[in-house]
């Protein structure tokens, strides 16, 4: 006789259905002149993640990486990749589901996005650039900390007015 709680725990599933490039763009606004210059690149990486529920227990996760390479007042290149995946995730409580969507899913998508960024930069005539690994567990922990702070501030406001 298994308790219902144990049976539900055993049914937790995470299935990767599909990985795909949702959008990719590369711009080299200073080409071809930039190739004649000796540049000291200044790189800026922005990252974003969006989760969309497609159906019950089915989620699209989109990891967006935007890398801008500038030199002085010129932009050498700008590359943006939206790497997406469809995940079936069931049997997790809300907290663990949030953690899976915030850590496991972007960890799965990142190597594909990193390769696409590198390929686009190289195809644009620039030396390859290899993004360093990203610790999504640490980023997720920071997100949880910020949420707790915001909730604490919001909860503190009415108490201060009373």
N, C-alpha and C. Protein backbone atom coordinates (compact mmCIF):
# COMPACT_ATOMS: atom_id res chain seq x y z
N UNK A 1 0.83 -1.19 0.00
CA UNK A 1 0.00 0.00 0.00
C UNK A 1 0.88 1.25 0.00
N UNK A 2 0.90 1.90 -1.13
CA UNK A 2 1.67 3.13 -1.23
C UNK A 2 0.78 4.32 -0.92
N UNK A 3 1.33 5.25 -0.18
CA UNK A 3 0.58 6.47 0.10
C UNK A 3 0.48 7.29 -1.18
N UNK A 4 -0.60 8.03 -1.33
CA UNK A 4 -0.78 8.85 -2.52
C UNK A 4 0.37 9.82 -2.74
N UNK A 5 0.88 10.40 -1.66
CA UNK A 5 1.99 11.35 -1.77
C UNK A 5 3.20 10.69 -2.39
N UNK A 6 3.52 9.45 -1.99
CA UNK A 6 4.68 8.77 -2.54
C UNK A 6 4.45 8.43 -4.00
N UNK A 7 3.22 8.06 -4.34
CA UNK A 7 2.91 7.75 -5.74
C UNK A 7 3.04 8.97 -6.62
N UNK A 8 2.62 10.12 -6.11
CA UNK A 8 2.74 11.35 -6.88
C UNK A 8 4.21 11.73 -7.07
N UNK A 9 5.01 11.56 -6.03
CA UNK A 9 6.43 11.86 -6.12
C UNK A 9 7.10 11.02 -7.21
N UNK A 10 6.74 9.73 -7.28
CA UNK A 10 7.37 8.83 -8.24
C UNK A 10 7.00 9.21 -9.67
N UNK A 11 5.93 9.97 -9.87
CA UNK A 11 5.48 10.32 -11.20
C UNK A 11 6.10 11.61 -11.74
N UNK A 12 6.98 12.24 -11.00
CA UNK A 12 7.62 13.47 -11.48
C UNK A 12 8.38 13.16 -12.76
N UNK A 13 8.15 13.96 -13.79
CA UNK A 13 8.78 13.74 -15.08
C UNK A 13 9.28 15.05 -15.66
N UNK A 14 10.37 14.97 -16.38
CA UNK A 14 10.91 16.10 -17.12
C UNK A 14 11.36 15.55 -18.47
N UNK A 15 10.70 15.98 -19.53
CA UNK A 15 11.00 15.48 -20.87
C UNK A 15 11.30 16.66 -21.78
N UNK A 16 12.43 16.60 -22.44
CA UNK A 16 12.80 17.60 -23.44
C UNK A 16 12.19 17.17 -24.76
N UNK A 17 11.23 17.95 -25.27
CA UNK A 17 10.56 17.60 -26.51
C UNK A 17 11.28 18.13 -27.74
N UNK A 18 11.79 19.36 -27.63
CA UNK A 18 12.36 20.00 -28.82
C UNK A 18 13.30 21.11 -28.41
N UNK A 19 14.40 21.27 -29.13
CA UNK A 19 15.30 22.42 -28.99
C UNK A 19 15.40 23.07 -30.36
N UNK A 20 15.25 24.39 -30.40
CA UNK A 20 15.28 25.08 -31.69
C UNK A 20 15.71 26.53 -31.52
N UNK A 21 16.17 27.12 -32.61
CA UNK A 21 16.50 28.54 -32.64
C UNK A 21 15.22 29.27 -32.99
N UNK A 22 14.75 30.11 -32.08
CA UNK A 22 13.52 30.88 -32.31
C UNK A 22 13.82 32.12 -33.14
N UNK A 23 14.98 32.74 -32.88
CA UNK A 23 15.38 33.93 -33.62
C UNK A 23 16.89 34.08 -33.49
N UNK A 24 17.52 34.57 -34.55
CA UNK A 24 18.96 34.85 -34.51
C UNK A 24 19.24 36.03 -35.43
N UNK A 25 20.09 36.92 -34.97
CA UNK A 25 20.47 38.04 -35.82
C UNK A 25 21.92 38.42 -35.56
N UNK A 26 22.54 38.94 -36.61
CA UNK A 26 23.91 39.41 -36.54
C UNK A 26 23.99 40.71 -37.32
N UNK A 27 24.60 41.71 -36.71
CA UNK A 27 24.80 43.00 -37.38
C UNK A 27 26.26 43.40 -37.22
N UNK A 28 26.84 43.90 -38.30
CA UNK A 28 28.19 44.47 -38.27
C UNK A 28 28.10 45.85 -38.90
N UNK A 29 27.59 46.85 -38.14
CA UNK A 29 27.30 48.16 -38.72
C UNK A 29 28.53 48.93 -39.19
N UNK A 30 29.70 48.59 -38.69
CA UNK A 30 30.92 49.32 -39.07
C UNK A 30 31.74 48.57 -40.13
N UNK A 31 31.22 47.47 -40.65
CA UNK A 31 31.94 46.70 -41.67
C UNK A 31 31.76 47.41 -43.02
N UNK A 32 32.73 47.36 -43.88
CA UNK A 32 33.99 46.64 -43.81
C UNK A 32 35.13 47.45 -43.19
N UNK A 33 34.90 48.72 -42.90
CA UNK A 33 35.98 49.57 -42.38
C UNK A 33 36.57 49.02 -41.09
N UNK A 34 35.74 48.41 -40.25
CA UNK A 34 36.21 47.91 -38.94
C UNK A 34 37.30 46.86 -39.10
N UNK A 35 37.28 46.14 -40.24
CA UNK A 35 38.28 45.09 -40.48
C UNK A 35 39.66 45.67 -40.76
N UNK A 36 39.72 46.95 -41.14
CA UNK A 36 40.99 47.61 -41.43
C UNK A 36 41.62 48.22 -40.19
N UNK A 37 40.86 48.28 -39.11
CA UNK A 37 41.33 48.92 -37.88
C UNK A 37 41.82 47.89 -36.88
N UNK A 38 42.75 48.32 -36.06
CA UNK A 38 43.16 47.49 -34.93
C UNK A 38 42.24 47.89 -33.78
N UNK A 39 41.45 46.94 -33.32
CA UNK A 39 40.46 47.28 -32.31
C UNK A 39 40.79 46.64 -30.96
N UNK A 40 40.37 47.31 -29.92
CA UNK A 40 40.42 46.72 -28.59
C UNK A 40 38.95 46.56 -28.17
N UNK A 41 38.43 45.36 -28.34
CA UNK A 41 36.98 45.17 -28.15
C UNK A 41 36.53 45.31 -26.70
N UNK A 42 35.36 45.90 -26.55
CA UNK A 42 34.67 45.96 -25.26
C UNK A 42 33.38 45.19 -25.46
N UNK A 43 33.23 44.11 -24.72
CA UNK A 43 32.09 43.21 -24.89
C UNK A 43 31.08 43.41 -23.77
N UNK A 44 29.81 43.36 -24.16
CA UNK A 44 28.73 43.44 -23.18
C UNK A 44 27.74 42.32 -23.50
N UNK A 45 27.48 41.48 -22.50
CA UNK A 45 26.55 40.37 -22.65
C UNK A 45 25.30 40.65 -21.82
N UNK A 46 24.16 40.53 -22.45
CA UNK A 46 22.88 40.61 -21.75
C UNK A 46 22.17 39.28 -21.96
N UNK A 47 21.51 38.83 -20.92
CA UNK A 47 20.84 37.55 -20.98
C UNK A 47 19.45 37.70 -20.38
N UNK A 48 18.50 36.98 -20.98
CA UNK A 48 17.13 37.03 -20.50
C UNK A 48 16.51 35.65 -20.70
N UNK A 49 15.50 35.36 -19.93
CA UNK A 49 14.80 34.09 -20.05
C UNK A 49 13.31 34.34 -19.96
N UNK A 50 12.57 33.67 -20.81
CA UNK A 50 11.12 33.79 -20.80
C UNK A 50 10.51 32.40 -20.80
N UNK A 51 9.52 32.19 -19.95
CA UNK A 51 8.83 30.91 -19.86
C UNK A 51 7.37 31.14 -20.24
N UNK A 52 6.88 30.31 -21.16
CA UNK A 52 5.49 30.38 -21.59
C UNK A 52 4.87 29.00 -21.43
N UNK A 53 3.72 28.95 -20.76
CA UNK A 53 2.98 27.69 -20.65
C UNK A 53 2.26 27.46 -21.97
N UNK A 54 2.51 26.31 -22.59
CA UNK A 54 1.87 25.99 -23.87
C UNK A 54 0.62 25.14 -23.67
N UNK A 55 0.65 24.30 -22.68
CA UNK A 55 -0.46 23.41 -22.34
C UNK A 55 -0.20 22.97 -20.91
N UNK A 56 -1.08 22.15 -20.36
CA UNK A 56 -0.84 21.67 -19.01
C UNK A 56 0.46 20.86 -19.01
N UNK A 57 1.39 21.25 -18.15
CA UNK A 57 2.68 20.58 -17.97
C UNK A 57 3.63 20.73 -19.17
N UNK A 58 3.31 21.60 -20.13
CA UNK A 58 4.19 21.82 -21.29
C UNK A 58 4.58 23.29 -21.33
N UNK A 59 5.89 23.54 -21.39
CA UNK A 59 6.42 24.90 -21.32
C UNK A 59 7.42 25.15 -22.43
N UNK A 60 7.35 26.35 -22.99
CA UNK A 60 8.41 26.82 -23.88
C UNK A 60 9.30 27.71 -23.04
N UNK A 61 10.59 27.45 -23.07
CA UNK A 61 11.58 28.27 -22.39
C UNK A 61 12.46 28.88 -23.47
N UNK A 62 12.59 30.21 -23.46
CA UNK A 62 13.42 30.91 -24.44
C UNK A 62 14.54 31.63 -23.70
N UNK A 63 15.76 31.26 -24.03
CA UNK A 63 16.96 31.89 -23.47
C UNK A 63 17.49 32.85 -24.53
N UNK A 64 17.54 34.14 -24.20
CA UNK A 64 18.02 35.15 -25.13
C UNK A 64 19.39 35.64 -24.69
N UNK A 65 20.34 35.56 -25.60
CA UNK A 65 21.69 36.08 -25.37
C UNK A 65 21.93 37.20 -26.38
N UNK A 66 22.35 38.36 -25.88
CA UNK A 66 22.68 39.49 -26.74
C UNK A 66 24.11 39.90 -26.41
N UNK A 67 24.98 39.82 -27.40
CA UNK A 67 26.38 40.18 -27.20
C UNK A 67 26.72 41.34 -28.13
N UNK A 68 27.19 42.43 -27.51
CA UNK A 68 27.58 43.62 -28.27
C UNK A 68 29.08 43.80 -28.13
N UNK A 69 29.75 43.96 -29.26
CA UNK A 69 31.19 44.21 -29.27
C UNK A 69 31.40 45.62 -29.80
N UNK A 70 31.90 46.47 -28.94
CA UNK A 70 32.17 47.84 -29.34
C UNK A 70 33.64 48.15 -29.24
N UNK A 71 34.04 49.19 -29.92
CA UNK A 71 35.39 49.69 -29.82
C UNK A 71 35.31 51.21 -29.95
N UNK A 72 35.68 51.88 -28.90
CA UNK A 72 35.53 53.34 -28.90
C UNK A 72 34.06 53.69 -29.03
N UNK A 73 33.75 54.49 -30.06
CA UNK A 73 32.37 54.90 -30.27
C UNK A 73 31.68 54.08 -31.36
N UNK A 74 32.33 53.03 -31.85
CA UNK A 74 31.77 52.20 -32.91
C UNK A 74 31.31 50.85 -32.36
N UNK A 75 30.31 50.31 -33.02
CA UNK A 75 29.89 48.94 -32.73
C UNK A 75 30.49 48.04 -33.79
N UNK A 76 31.35 47.12 -33.37
CA UNK A 76 31.94 46.18 -34.32
C UNK A 76 30.88 45.17 -34.75
N UNK A 77 30.19 44.58 -33.76
CA UNK A 77 29.09 43.68 -34.10
C UNK A 77 28.11 43.57 -32.93
N UNK A 78 26.92 43.12 -33.29
CA UNK A 78 25.86 42.85 -32.33
C UNK A 78 25.24 41.53 -32.76
N UNK A 79 25.21 40.58 -31.84
CA UNK A 79 24.61 39.28 -32.14
C UNK A 79 23.57 38.98 -31.07
N UNK A 80 22.41 38.50 -31.54
CA UNK A 80 21.36 38.11 -30.60
C UNK A 80 20.81 36.75 -31.02
N UNK A 81 20.71 35.86 -30.06
CA UNK A 81 20.19 34.53 -30.30
C UNK A 81 19.10 34.24 -29.28
N UNK A 82 17.96 33.78 -29.77
CA UNK A 82 16.90 33.28 -28.90
C UNK A 82 16.85 31.77 -29.09
N UNK A 83 17.42 31.06 -28.14
CA UNK A 83 17.45 29.59 -28.16
C UNK A 83 16.27 29.11 -27.34
N UNK A 84 15.46 28.25 -27.93
CA UNK A 84 14.23 27.83 -27.27
C UNK A 84 14.17 26.32 -27.12
N UNK A 85 13.34 25.92 -26.18
CA UNK A 85 13.09 24.50 -25.97
C UNK A 85 11.68 24.30 -25.47
N UNK A 86 11.11 23.16 -25.81
CA UNK A 86 9.80 22.78 -25.30
C UNK A 86 10.04 21.63 -24.33
N UNK A 87 9.56 21.82 -23.11
CA UNK A 87 9.77 20.87 -22.02
C UNK A 87 8.43 20.42 -21.46
N UNK A 88 8.28 19.11 -21.25
CA UNK A 88 7.14 18.60 -20.51
C UNK A 88 7.63 18.35 -19.09
N UNK A 89 6.99 19.02 -18.14
CA UNK A 89 7.42 18.94 -16.75
C UNK A 89 6.18 18.67 -15.91
N UNK A 90 6.14 17.53 -15.28
CA UNK A 90 4.96 17.19 -14.48
C UNK A 90 5.37 16.54 -13.18
N UNK A 91 4.47 16.60 -12.21
CA UNK A 91 4.68 15.94 -10.93
C UNK A 91 5.53 16.72 -9.95
N UNK A 92 5.83 17.99 -10.24
CA UNK A 92 6.61 18.83 -9.33
C UNK A 92 5.68 19.80 -8.63
N UNK A 93 5.98 20.10 -7.37
CA UNK A 93 5.22 21.16 -6.71
C UNK A 93 5.66 22.50 -7.30
N UNK A 94 4.94 23.57 -6.98
CA UNK A 94 5.18 24.88 -7.59
C UNK A 94 6.62 25.36 -7.39
N UNK A 95 7.15 25.18 -6.19
CA UNK A 95 8.51 25.65 -5.89
C UNK A 95 9.54 24.92 -6.73
N UNK A 96 9.41 23.59 -6.80
CA UNK A 96 10.37 22.80 -7.58
C UNK A 96 10.19 23.02 -9.08
N UNK A 97 8.97 23.23 -9.53
CA UNK A 97 8.73 23.54 -10.94
C UNK A 97 9.43 24.84 -11.30
N UNK A 98 9.29 25.85 -10.45
CA UNK A 98 9.96 27.13 -10.68
C UNK A 98 11.47 26.94 -10.76
N UNK A 99 12.03 26.11 -9.89
CA UNK A 99 13.47 25.85 -9.89
C UNK A 99 13.90 25.13 -11.16
N UNK A 100 13.13 24.15 -11.62
CA UNK A 100 13.47 23.43 -12.85
C UNK A 100 13.46 24.39 -14.04
N UNK A 101 12.43 25.23 -14.11
CA UNK A 101 12.33 26.19 -15.21
C UNK A 101 13.44 27.24 -15.14
N UNK A 102 13.90 27.57 -13.94
CA UNK A 102 14.91 28.60 -13.77
C UNK A 102 16.34 28.11 -13.81
N UNK A 103 16.56 26.80 -13.70
CA UNK A 103 17.93 26.28 -13.67
C UNK A 103 18.17 25.20 -14.73
N UNK A 104 17.42 24.12 -14.66
CA UNK A 104 17.65 22.99 -15.57
C UNK A 104 17.43 23.40 -17.03
N UNK A 105 16.32 24.08 -17.30
CA UNK A 105 15.99 24.43 -18.68
C UNK A 105 17.03 25.36 -19.32
N UNK A 106 17.41 26.48 -18.68
CA UNK A 106 18.45 27.31 -19.31
C UNK A 106 19.81 26.61 -19.38
N UNK A 107 20.12 25.75 -18.40
CA UNK A 107 21.36 24.96 -18.49
C UNK A 107 21.36 24.06 -19.71
N UNK A 108 20.20 23.54 -20.06
CA UNK A 108 20.07 22.68 -21.24
C UNK A 108 20.22 23.49 -22.52
N UNK A 109 19.65 24.69 -22.56
CA UNK A 109 19.66 25.51 -23.77
C UNK A 109 20.97 26.25 -24.01
N UNK A 110 21.68 26.59 -22.95
CA UNK A 110 22.85 27.45 -23.07
C UNK A 110 23.92 26.94 -24.05
N UNK A 111 24.31 25.68 -24.02
CA UNK A 111 25.36 25.24 -24.97
C UNK A 111 24.96 25.45 -26.43
N UNK A 112 23.69 25.29 -26.74
CA UNK A 112 23.23 25.51 -28.11
C UNK A 112 23.30 26.99 -28.47
N UNK A 113 22.88 27.85 -27.54
CA UNK A 113 22.93 29.29 -27.76
C UNK A 113 24.38 29.76 -27.89
N UNK A 114 25.25 29.24 -27.05
CA UNK A 114 26.67 29.61 -27.08
C UNK A 114 27.28 29.26 -28.44
N UNK A 115 26.96 28.09 -28.95
CA UNK A 115 27.49 27.67 -30.25
C UNK A 115 26.96 28.55 -31.37
N UNK A 116 25.69 28.89 -31.31
CA UNK A 116 25.09 29.75 -32.34
C UNK A 116 25.73 31.13 -32.32
N UNK A 117 25.95 31.70 -31.14
CA UNK A 117 26.60 33.01 -31.02
C UNK A 117 27.99 32.95 -31.65
N UNK A 118 28.75 31.93 -31.30
CA UNK A 118 30.11 31.78 -31.83
C UNK A 118 30.10 31.63 -33.35
N UNK A 119 29.19 30.83 -33.86
CA UNK A 119 29.10 30.60 -35.31
C UNK A 119 28.74 31.90 -36.06
N UNK A 120 27.80 32.67 -35.52
CA UNK A 120 27.40 33.92 -36.17
C UNK A 120 28.54 34.93 -36.18
N UNK A 121 29.27 35.03 -35.09
CA UNK A 121 30.39 35.97 -35.01
C UNK A 121 31.45 35.59 -36.04
N UNK A 122 31.77 34.31 -36.11
CA UNK A 122 32.78 33.84 -37.06
C UNK A 122 32.31 34.03 -38.50
N UNK A 123 31.04 33.75 -38.76
CA UNK A 123 30.50 33.94 -40.11
C UNK A 123 30.50 35.42 -40.50
N UNK A 124 30.47 36.30 -39.50
CA UNK A 124 30.52 37.74 -39.75
C UNK A 124 31.92 38.26 -40.01
N UNK A 125 32.91 37.38 -40.00
CA UNK A 125 34.28 37.78 -40.32
C UNK A 125 35.13 38.15 -39.12
N UNK A 126 34.63 37.91 -37.93
CA UNK A 126 35.36 38.24 -36.71
C UNK A 126 35.94 36.98 -36.09
N UNK A 127 36.97 37.13 -35.25
CA UNK A 127 37.51 35.95 -34.56
C UNK A 127 36.43 35.32 -33.68
N UNK A 128 36.47 34.01 -33.53
CA UNK A 128 35.44 33.36 -32.71
C UNK A 128 35.49 33.86 -31.27
N UNK A 129 34.33 33.92 -30.66
CA UNK A 129 34.22 34.31 -29.26
C UNK A 129 33.50 33.19 -28.54
N UNK A 130 34.09 32.74 -27.45
CA UNK A 130 33.53 31.63 -26.70
C UNK A 130 32.99 32.14 -25.37
N UNK A 131 31.68 32.11 -25.22
CA UNK A 131 31.07 32.52 -23.97
C UNK A 131 31.48 31.56 -22.87
N UNK A 132 31.79 32.08 -21.72
CA UNK A 132 32.13 31.26 -20.58
C UNK A 132 30.87 30.60 -20.02
N UNK A 133 31.01 29.47 -19.36
CA UNK A 133 29.83 28.83 -18.74
C UNK A 133 29.14 29.79 -17.77
N UNK A 134 27.85 29.62 -17.65
CA UNK A 134 27.04 30.45 -16.75
C UNK A 134 26.45 29.55 -15.68
N UNK A 135 26.53 30.00 -14.44
CA UNK A 135 25.99 29.24 -13.31
C UNK A 135 24.53 29.65 -13.10
N UNK A 136 23.62 28.92 -13.75
CA UNK A 136 22.20 29.26 -13.65
C UNK A 136 21.65 28.98 -12.26
N UNK A 137 22.24 28.04 -11.53
CA UNK A 137 21.81 27.79 -10.15
C UNK A 137 22.06 29.04 -9.30
N UNK A 138 23.21 29.66 -9.47
CA UNK A 138 23.54 30.86 -8.72
C UNK A 138 22.63 32.03 -9.13
N UNK A 139 22.38 32.18 -10.44
CA UNK A 139 21.49 33.23 -10.91
C UNK A 139 20.07 33.04 -10.36
N UNK A 140 19.63 31.81 -10.31
CA UNK A 140 18.29 31.51 -9.78
C UNK A 140 18.23 31.84 -8.29
N UNK A 141 19.28 31.49 -7.55
CA UNK A 141 19.33 31.81 -6.11
C UNK A 141 19.26 33.32 -5.91
N UNK A 142 19.94 34.07 -6.76
CA UNK A 142 19.91 35.53 -6.68
C UNK A 142 18.50 36.06 -6.99
N UNK A 143 17.84 35.44 -7.96
CA UNK A 143 16.46 35.82 -8.28
C UNK A 143 15.54 35.58 -7.09
N UNK A 144 15.70 34.43 -6.44
CA UNK A 144 14.88 34.14 -5.25
C UNK A 144 15.14 35.14 -4.14
N UNK A 145 16.39 35.53 -3.95
CA UNK A 145 16.75 36.51 -2.92
C UNK A 145 16.07 37.85 -3.23
N UNK A 146 16.10 38.27 -4.50
CA UNK A 146 15.47 39.54 -4.87
C UNK A 146 13.96 39.49 -4.68
N UNK A 147 13.36 38.34 -5.05
CA UNK A 147 11.92 38.18 -4.84
C UNK A 147 11.56 38.31 -3.37
N UNK A 148 12.35 37.67 -2.51
CA UNK A 148 12.10 37.71 -1.07
C UNK A 148 12.22 39.14 -0.54
N UNK A 149 13.22 39.86 -1.03
CA UNK A 149 13.39 41.26 -0.62
C UNK A 149 12.20 42.09 -1.04
N UNK A 150 11.75 41.91 -2.29
CA UNK A 150 10.61 42.68 -2.79
C UNK A 150 9.35 42.34 -2.01
N UNK A 151 9.14 41.06 -1.74
CA UNK A 151 7.96 40.65 -0.98
C UNK A 151 8.03 41.21 0.44
N UNK A 152 9.23 41.22 1.02
CA UNK A 152 9.41 41.78 2.36
C UNK A 152 9.13 43.27 2.38
N UNK A 153 9.56 43.98 1.35
CA UNK A 153 9.30 45.42 1.26
C UNK A 153 7.81 45.68 1.08
N UNK A 154 7.17 44.89 0.22
CA UNK A 154 5.74 45.07 0.01
C UNK A 154 4.94 44.75 1.27
N UNK A 155 5.35 43.69 1.97
CA UNK A 155 4.66 43.32 3.20
C UNK A 155 4.92 44.36 4.30
N UNK A 156 6.08 44.99 4.27
CA UNK A 156 6.43 45.98 5.27
C UNK A 156 5.71 47.30 5.11
N UNK A 157 5.30 47.65 3.88
CA UNK A 157 4.65 48.94 3.64
C UNK A 157 3.34 49.09 4.40
N UNK A 158 2.40 48.12 4.30
CA UNK A 158 1.14 48.32 5.05
C UNK A 158 1.37 48.37 6.55
N UNK A 159 2.32 47.56 7.05
CA UNK A 159 2.58 47.54 8.49
C UNK A 159 3.08 48.92 8.94
N UNK A 160 3.87 49.58 8.08
CA UNK A 160 4.39 50.89 8.42
C UNK A 160 3.30 51.95 8.45
N UNK A 161 2.26 51.73 7.66
CA UNK A 161 1.16 52.71 7.59
C UNK A 161 0.16 52.53 8.73
N UNK A 162 0.17 51.39 9.37
CA UNK A 162 -0.83 51.09 10.42
C UNK A 162 -0.54 51.85 11.69
